[in-house]
Amino acid sequence: PIKLKRLTFTGSPLRSRPSTFKSRVAADLAKRVWPLLSKGDMGTHTHSVFSFEKAAAAHQMMEDGAHRGKIILTP
């Protein structure tokens, strides 16, 4: 839904934040996000997996924009 509506998803660095804030973020992730990942209700989409030897083909696919999801290189 984020991509279909051309929305922007941004983040914020936590390094400079107080420990109490970081603790609240961690607790919120444990409560709201990790259960969704565990159940498979949320995750990433893998488009293709290439061996490292075929990295040039994977890079070309990325440049062409002919993919939806992650392009993964394996050793």
PDB file of N, CA and C in Angstrom:
ATOM      1  N   PRO A   1       0.808  -1.223   0.000  1.00  0.00           N
ATOM      2  CA  PRO A   1       0.000   0.000   0.000  1.00  0.00           C
ATOM      3  C   PRO A   1       0.844   1.277   0.000  1.00  0.00           C
ATOM      4  N   ILE A   2       1.997   1.247   0.643  1.00  0.00           N
ATOM      5  CA  ILE A   2       2.840   2.443   0.678  1.00  0.00           C
ATOM      6  C   ILE A   2       3.340   2.777  -0.725  1.00  0.00           C
ATOM      7  N   LYS A   3       3.818   1.779  -1.455  1.00  0.00           N
ATOM      8  CA  LYS A   3       4.328   2.030  -2.801  1.00  0.00           C
ATOM      9  C   LYS A   3       3.209   2.390  -3.768  1.00  0.00           C
ATOM     10  N   LEU A   4       2.068   1.728  -3.653  1.00  0.00           N
ATOM     11  CA  LEU A   4       0.968   2.009  -4.562  1.00  0.00           C
ATOM     12  C   LEU A   4       0.485   3.449  -4.445  1.00  0.00           C
ATOM     13  N   LYS A   5       0.541   3.990  -3.252  1.00  0.00           N
ATOM     14  CA  LYS A   5       0.096   5.365  -3.037  1.00  0.00           C
ATOM     15  C   LYS A   5       1.236   6.365  -3.096  1.00  0.00           C
ATOM     16  N   ARG A   6       2.445   5.863  -3.441  1.00  0.00           N
ATOM     17  CA  ARG A   6       3.647   6.695  -3.544  1.00  0.00           C
ATOM     18  C   ARG A   6       3.922   7.478  -2.260  1.00  0.00           C
ATOM     19  N   LEU A   7       3.698   6.827  -1.133  1.00  0.00           N
ATOM     20  CA  LEU A   7       3.981   7.432   0.155  1.00  0.00           C
ATOM     21  C   LEU A   7       5.468   7.289   0.477  1.00  0.00           C
ATOM     22  N   THR A   8       5.945   8.046   1.407  1.00  0.00           N
ATOM     23  CA  THR A   8       7.334   7.961   1.830  1.00  0.00           C
ATOM     24  C   THR A   8       7.394   7.444   3.261  1.00  0.00           C
ATOM     25  N   PHE A   9       8.219   6.444   3.472  1.00  0.00           N
ATOM     26  CA  PHE A   9       8.417   5.853   4.791  1.00  0.00           C
ATOM     27  C   PHE A   9       9.806   6.270   5.250  1.00  0.00           C
ATOM     28  N   THR A  10       9.882   7.005   6.339  1.00  0.00           N
ATOM     29  CA  THR A  10      11.182   7.495   6.802  1.00  0.00           C
ATOM     30  C   THR A  10      11.481   6.981   8.207  1.00  0.00           C
ATOM     31  N   GLY A  11      12.722   7.067   8.579  1.00  0.00           N
ATOM     32  CA  GLY A  11      13.144   6.633   9.905  1.00  0.00           C
ATOM     33  C   GLY A  11      13.901   7.738  10.614  1.00  0.00           C
ATOM     34  N   SER A  12      14.321   7.438  11.824  1.00  0.00           N
ATOM     35  CA  SER A  12      15.050   8.404  12.625  1.00  0.00           C
ATOM     36  C   SER A  12      16.165   7.678  13.368  1.00  0.00           C
ATOM     37  N   PRO A  13      17.374   8.253  13.374  1.00  0.00           N
ATOM     38  CA  PRO A  13      18.459   7.599  14.106  1.00  0.00           C
ATOM     39  C   PRO A  13      18.197   7.623  15.612  1.00  0.00           C
ATOM     40  N   LEU A  14      18.519   6.527  16.254  1.00  0.00           N
ATOM     41  CA  LEU A  14      18.279   6.424  17.692  1.00  0.00           C
ATOM     42  C   LEU A  14      19.527   6.721  18.519  1.00  0.00           C
ATOM     43  N   ARG A  15      20.674   6.792  17.888  1.00  0.00           N
ATOM     44  CA  ARG A  15      21.927   6.938  18.631  1.00  0.00           C
ATOM     45  C   ARG A  15      21.906   8.131  19.583  1.00  0.00           C
ATOM     46  N   SER A  16      21.383   9.263  19.125  1.00  0.00           N
ATOM     47  CA  SER A  16      21.418  10.476  19.948  1.00  0.00           C
ATOM     48  C   SER A  16      20.243  10.581  20.917  1.00  0.00           C
ATOM     49  N   ARG A  17      19.330   9.629  20.877  1.00  0.00           N
ATOM     50  CA  ARG A  17      18.157   9.676  21.752  1.00  0.00           C
ATOM     51  C   ARG A  17      18.479   9.136  23.139  1.00  0.00           C
ATOM     52  N   PRO A  18      17.742   9.568  24.158  1.00  0.00           N
ATOM     53  CA  PRO A  18      17.959   9.043  25.519  1.00  0.00           C
ATOM     54  C   PRO A  18      17.601   7.553  25.616  1.00  0.00           C
ATOM     55  N   SER A  19      18.220   6.886  26.567  1.00  0.00           N
ATOM     56  CA  SER A  19      17.971   5.449  26.770  1.00  0.00           C
ATOM     57  C   SER A  19      16.509   5.152  27.065  1.00  0.00           C
ATOM     58  N   THR A  20      15.826   6.044  27.759  1.00  0.00           N
ATOM     59  CA  THR A  20      14.412   5.809  28.064  1.00  0.00           C
ATOM     60  C   THR A  20      13.575   5.778  26.787  1.00  0.00           C
ATOM     61  N   PHE A  21      13.908   6.656  25.838  1.00  0.00           N
ATOM     62  CA  PHE A  21      13.198   6.658  24.562  1.00  0.00           C
ATOM     63  C   PHE A  21      13.466   5.365  23.799  1.00  0.00           C
ATOM     64  N   LYS A  22      14.730   4.944  23.758  1.00  0.00           N
ATOM     65  CA  LYS A  22      15.096   3.709  23.067  1.00  0.00           C
ATOM     66  C   LYS A  22      14.379   2.506  23.675  1.00  0.00           C
ATOM     67  N   SER A  23      14.244   2.497  24.991  1.00  0.00           N
ATOM     68  CA  SER A  23      13.546   1.406  25.670  1.00  0.00           C
ATOM     69  C   SER A  23      12.079   1.361  25.270  1.00  0.00           C
ATOM     70  N   ARG A  24      11.459   2.536  25.163  1.00  0.00           N
ATOM     71  CA  ARG A  24      10.049   2.582  24.746  1.00  0.00           C
ATOM     72  C   ARG A  24       9.883   2.092  23.311  1.00  0.00           C
ATOM     73  N   VAL A  25      10.821   2.477  22.433  1.00  0.00           N
ATOM     74  CA  VAL A  25      10.770   2.022  21.044  1.00  0.00           C
ATOM     75  C   VAL A  25      10.907   0.498  20.986  1.00  0.00           C
ATOM     76  N   ALA A  26      11.859  -0.048  21.737  1.00  0.00           N
ATOM     77  CA  ALA A  26      12.068  -1.496  21.752  1.00  0.00           C
ATOM     78  C   ALA A  26      10.838  -2.227  22.274  1.00  0.00           C
ATOM     79  N   ALA A  27      10.227  -1.705  23.318  1.00  0.00           N
ATOM     80  CA  ALA A  27       9.024  -2.337  23.879  1.00  0.00           C
ATOM     81  C   ALA A  27       7.870  -2.280  22.886  1.00  0.00           C
ATOM     82  N   ASP A  28       7.740  -1.163  22.189  1.00  0.00           N
ATOM     83  CA  ASP A  28       6.670  -1.018  21.206  1.00  0.00           C
ATOM     84  C   ASP A  28       6.876  -1.971  20.031  1.00  0.00           C
ATOM     85  N   LEU A  29       8.129  -2.126  19.583  1.00  0.00           N
ATOM     86  CA  LEU A  29       8.429  -3.089  18.525  1.00  0.00           C
ATOM     87  C   LEU A  29       8.067  -4.510  18.959  1.00  0.00           C
ATOM     88  N   ALA A  30       8.449  -4.855  20.180  1.00  0.00           N
ATOM     89  CA  ALA A  30       8.155  -6.192  20.690  1.00  0.00           C
ATOM     90  C   ALA A  30       6.658  -6.445  20.766  1.00  0.00           C
ATOM     91  N   LYS A  31       5.900  -5.417  21.076  1.00  0.00           N
ATOM     92  CA  LYS A  31       4.450  -5.560  21.225  1.00  0.00           C
ATOM     93  C   LYS A  31       3.714  -5.544  19.885  1.00  0.00           C
ATOM     94  N   ARG A  32       4.150  -4.678  18.953  1.00  0.00           N
ATOM     95  CA  ARG A  32       3.370  -4.457  17.742  1.00  0.00           C
ATOM     96  C   ARG A  32       3.941  -5.053  16.458  1.00  0.00           C
ATOM     97  N   VAL A  33       5.259  -5.103  16.338  1.00  0.00           N
ATOM     98  CA  VAL A  33       5.861  -5.502  15.066  1.00  0.00           C
ATOM     99  C   VAL A  33       6.294  -6.963  15.058  1.00  0.00           C
ATOM    100  N   TRP A  34       7.053  -7.393  16.075  1.00  0.00           N
ATOM    101  CA  TRP A  34       7.579  -8.765  16.072  1.00  0.00           C
ATOM    102  C   TRP A  34       6.475  -9.809  15.969  1.00  0.00           C
ATOM    103  N   PRO A  35       5.318  -9.643  16.630  1.00  0.00           N
ATOM    104  CA  PRO A  35       4.265 -10.649  16.442  1.00  0.00           C
ATOM    105  C   PRO A  35       3.792 -10.747  14.988  1.00  0.00           C
ATOM    106  N   LEU A  36       3.720  -9.639  14.280  1.00  0.00           N
ATOM    107  CA  LEU A  36       3.316  -9.672  12.876  1.00  0.00           C
ATOM    108  C   LEU A  36       4.345 -10.415  12.028  1.00  0.00           C
ATOM    109  N   LEU A  37       5.626 -10.181  12.314  1.00  0.00           N
ATOM    110  CA  LEU A  37       6.676 -10.899  11.595  1.00  0.00           C
ATOM    111  C   LEU A  37       6.627 -12.389  11.903  1.00  0.00           C
ATOM    112  N   SER A  38       6.409 -12.735  13.164  1.00  0.00           N
ATOM    113  CA  SER A  38       6.362 -14.143  13.578  1.00  0.00           C
ATOM    114  C   SER A  38       5.223 -14.894  12.913  1.00  0.00           C
ATOM    115  N   LYS A  39       4.072 -14.232  12.785  1.00  0.00           N
ATOM    116  CA  LYS A  39       2.899 -14.875  12.175  1.00  0.00           C
ATOM    117  C   LYS A  39       2.960 -14.867  10.652  1.00  0.00           C
ATOM    118  N   GLY A  40       3.903 -14.123  10.079  1.00  0.00           N
ATOM    119  CA  GLY A  40       3.988 -14.030   8.631  1.00  0.00           C
ATOM    120  C   GLY A  40       3.033 -13.015   8.037  1.00  0.00           C
ATOM    121  N   ASP A  41       2.430 -12.175   8.882  1.00  0.00           N
ATOM    122  CA  ASP A  41       1.503 -11.157   8.391  1.00  0.00           C
ATOM    123  C   ASP A  41       2.224  -9.961   7.786  1.00  0.00           C
ATOM    124  N   MET A  42       3.526  -9.872   8.002  1.00  0.00           N
ATOM    125  CA  MET A  42       4.306  -8.753   7.491  1.00  0.00           C
ATOM    126  C   MET A  42       5.699  -9.265   7.154  1.00  0.00           C
ATOM    127  N   GLY A  43       6.295  -8.747   6.123  1.00  0.00           N
ATOM    128  CA  GLY A  43       7.636  -9.170   5.764  1.00  0.00           C
ATOM    129  C   GLY A  43       8.072  -8.534   4.465  1.00  0.00           C
ATOM    130  N   THR A  44       9.165  -9.018   3.937  1.00  0.00           N
ATOM    131  CA  THR A  44       9.678  -8.499   2.684  1.00  0.00           C
ATOM    132  C   THR A  44       9.282  -9.423   1.542  1.00  0.00           C
ATOM    133  N   HIS A  45       9.337  -8.911   0.351  1.00  0.00           N
ATOM    134  CA  HIS A  45       9.055  -9.712  -0.840  1.00  0.00           C
ATOM    135  C   HIS A  45      10.361  -9.895  -1.593  1.00  0.00           C
ATOM    136  N   THR A  46      10.734 -11.145  -1.842  1.00  0.00           N
ATOM    137  CA  THR A  46      11.947 -11.443  -2.596  1.00  0.00           C
ATOM    138  C   THR A  46      11.578 -11.646  -4.050  1.00  0.00           C
ATOM    139  N   HIS A  47      12.162 -10.847  -4.921  1.00  0.00           N
ATOM    140  CA  HIS A  47      11.907 -10.974  -6.358  1.00  0.00           C
ATOM    141  C   HIS A  47      12.802 -12.035  -6.976  1.00  0.00           C
ATOM    142  N   SER A  48      14.109 -11.955  -6.702  1.00  0.00           N
ATOM    143  CA  SER A  48      15.068 -12.870  -7.316  1.00  0.00           C
ATOM    144  C   SER A  48      16.237 -13.130  -6.380  1.00  0.00           C
ATOM    145  N   VAL A  49      16.840 -14.300  -6.557  1.00  0.00           N
ATOM    146  CA  VAL A  49      18.059 -14.655  -5.832  1.00  0.00           C
ATOM    147  C   VAL A  49      19.109 -15.025  -6.877  1.00  0.00           C
ATOM    148  N   PHE A  50      20.256 -14.368  -6.807  1.00  0.00           N
ATOM    149  CA  PHE A  50      21.356 -14.607  -7.742  1.00  0.00           C
ATOM    150  C   PHE A  50      22.578 -15.088  -6.972  1.00  0.00           C
ATOM    151  N   SER A  51      23.365 -15.948  -7.598  1.00  0.00           N
ATOM    152  CA  SER A  51      24.660 -16.286  -7.010  1.00  0.00           C
ATOM    153  C   SER A  51      25.572 -15.081  -7.192  1.00  0.00           C
ATOM    154  N   PHE A  52      26.606 -14.999  -6.361  1.00  0.00           N
ATOM    155  CA  PHE A  52      27.519 -13.867  -6.436  1.00  0.00           C
ATOM    156  C   PHE A  52      28.163 -13.753  -7.817  1.00  0.00           C
ATOM    157  N   GLU A  53      28.359 -14.888  -8.467  1.00  0.00           N
ATOM    158  CA  GLU A  53      28.958 -14.882  -9.808  1.00  0.00           C
ATOM    159  C   GLU A  53      28.063 -14.158 -10.814  1.00  0.00           C
ATOM    160  N   LYS A  54      26.776 -14.071 -10.547  1.00  0.00           N
ATOM    161  CA  LYS A  54      25.838 -13.412 -11.461  1.00  0.00           C
ATOM    162  C   LYS A  54      25.427 -12.033 -10.943  1.00  0.00           C
ATOM    163  N   ALA A  55      26.319 -11.409 -10.184  1.00  0.00           N
ATOM    164  CA  ALA A  55      26.029 -10.093  -9.611  1.00  0.00           C
ATOM    165  C   ALA A  55      25.764  -9.050 -10.692  1.00  0.00           C
ATOM    166  N   ALA A  56      26.452  -9.164 -11.824  1.00  0.00           N
ATOM    167  CA  ALA A  56      26.246  -8.191 -12.906  1.00  0.00           C
ATOM    168  C   ALA A  56      24.806  -8.271 -13.429  1.00  0.00           C
ATOM    169  N   ALA A  57      24.267  -9.468 -13.570  1.00  0.00           N
ATOM    170  CA  ALA A  57      22.886  -9.623 -14.027  1.00  0.00           C
ATOM    171  C   ALA A  57      21.907  -9.071 -12.995  1.00  0.00           C
ATOM    172  N   ALA A  58      22.204  -9.302 -11.716  1.00  0.00           N
ATOM    173  CA  ALA A  58      21.344  -8.771 -10.651  1.00  0.00           C
ATOM    174  C   ALA A  58      21.372  -7.248 -10.663  1.00  0.00           C
ATOM    175  N   HIS A  59      22.553  -6.681 -10.847  1.00  0.00           N
ATOM    176  CA  HIS A  59      22.680  -5.228 -10.890  1.00  0.00           C
ATOM    177  C   HIS A  59      21.936  -4.655 -12.101  1.00  0.00           C
ATOM    178  N   GLN A  60      22.015  -5.340 -13.229  1.00  0.00           N
ATOM    179  CA  GLN A  60      21.312  -4.882 -14.421  1.00  0.00           C
ATOM    180  C   GLN A  60      19.802  -4.900 -14.194  1.00  0.00           C
ATOM    181  N   MET A  61      19.303  -5.940 -13.539  1.00  0.00           N
ATOM    182  CA  MET A  61      17.880  -6.008 -13.236  1.00  0.00           C
ATOM    183  C   MET A  61      17.463  -4.832 -12.356  1.00  0.00           C
ATOM    184  N   MET A  62      18.309  -4.516 -11.375  1.00  0.00           N
ATOM    185  CA  MET A  62      18.008  -3.399 -10.483  1.00  0.00           C
ATOM    186  C   MET A  62      18.002  -2.087 -11.265  1.00  0.00           C
ATOM    187  N   GLU A  63      18.981  -1.883 -12.131  1.00  0.00           N
ATOM    188  CA  GLU A  63      19.045  -0.659 -12.924  1.00  0.00           C
ATOM    189  C   GLU A  63      17.861  -0.530 -13.873  1.00  0.00           C
ATOM    190  N   ASP A  64      17.424  -1.647 -14.441  1.00  0.00           N
ATOM    191  CA  ASP A  64      16.295  -1.632 -15.370  1.00  0.00           C
ATOM    192  C   ASP A  64      14.971  -1.355 -14.671  1.00  0.00           C
ATOM    193  N   GLY A  65      14.941  -1.574 -13.361  1.00  0.00           N
ATOM    194  CA  GLY A  65      13.686  -1.391 -12.620  1.00  0.00           C
ATOM    195  C   GLY A  65      12.683  -2.478 -12.938  1.00  0.00           C
ATOM    196  N   ALA A  66      13.173  -3.613 -13.420  1.00  0.00           N
ATOM    197  CA  ALA A  66      12.298  -4.709 -13.821  1.00  0.00           C
ATOM    198  C   ALA A  66      12.021  -5.663 -12.668  1.00  0.00           C
ATOM    199  N   HIS A  67      11.921  -5.141 -11.476  1.00  0.00           N
ATOM    200  CA  HIS A  67      11.678  -6.010 -10.322  1.00  0.00           C
ATOM    201  C   HIS A  67      10.724  -5.336  -9.348  1.00  0.00           C
ATOM    202  N   ARG A  68      10.095  -6.165  -8.543  1.00  0.00           N
ATOM    203  CA  ARG A  68       9.276  -5.704  -7.411  1.00  0.00           C
ATOM    204  C   ARG A  68       9.680  -6.561  -6.242  1.00  0.00           C
ATOM    205  N   GLY A  69      10.402  -5.997  -5.328  1.00  0.00           N
ATOM    206  CA  GLY A  69      10.897  -6.743  -4.179  1.00  0.00           C
ATOM    207  C   GLY A  69      12.411  -6.747  -4.149  1.00  0.00           C
ATOM    208  N   LYS A  70      12.929  -7.555  -3.260  1.00  0.00           N
ATOM    209  CA  LYS A  70      14.367  -7.610  -3.019  1.00  0.00           C
ATOM    210  C   LYS A  70      15.083  -8.463  -4.049  1.00  0.00           C
ATOM    211  N   ILE A  71      16.274  -8.032  -4.405  1.00  0.00           N
ATOM    212  CA  ILE A  71      17.179  -8.824  -5.231  1.00  0.00           C
ATOM    213  C   ILE A  71      18.311  -9.245  -4.303  1.00  0.00           C
ATOM    214  N   ILE A  72      18.490 -10.538  -4.141  1.00  0.00           N
ATOM    215  CA  ILE A  72      19.426 -11.056  -3.145  1.00  0.00           C
ATOM    216  C   ILE A  72      20.589 -11.750  -3.834  1.00  0.00           C
ATOM    217  N   LEU A  73      21.803 -11.472  -3.334  1.00  0.00           N
ATOM    218  CA  LEU A  73      22.991 -12.174  -3.790  1.00  0.00           C
ATOM    219  C   LEU A  73      23.393 -13.208  -2.740  1.00  0.00           C
ATOM    220  N   THR A  74      23.743 -14.399  -3.197  1.00  0.00           N
ATOM    221  CA  THR A  74      24.191 -15.450  -2.276  1.00  0.00           C
ATOM    222  C   THR A  74      25.630 -15.815  -2.616  1.00  0.00           C
ATOM    223  N   PRO A  75      26.371 -16.306  -1.627  1.00  0.00           N
ATOM    224  CA  PRO A  75      27.773 -16.686  -1.879  1.00  0.00           C
ATOM    225  C   PRO A  75      27.883 -17.895  -2.781  1.00  0.00           C
TER     226      PRO A  75
END
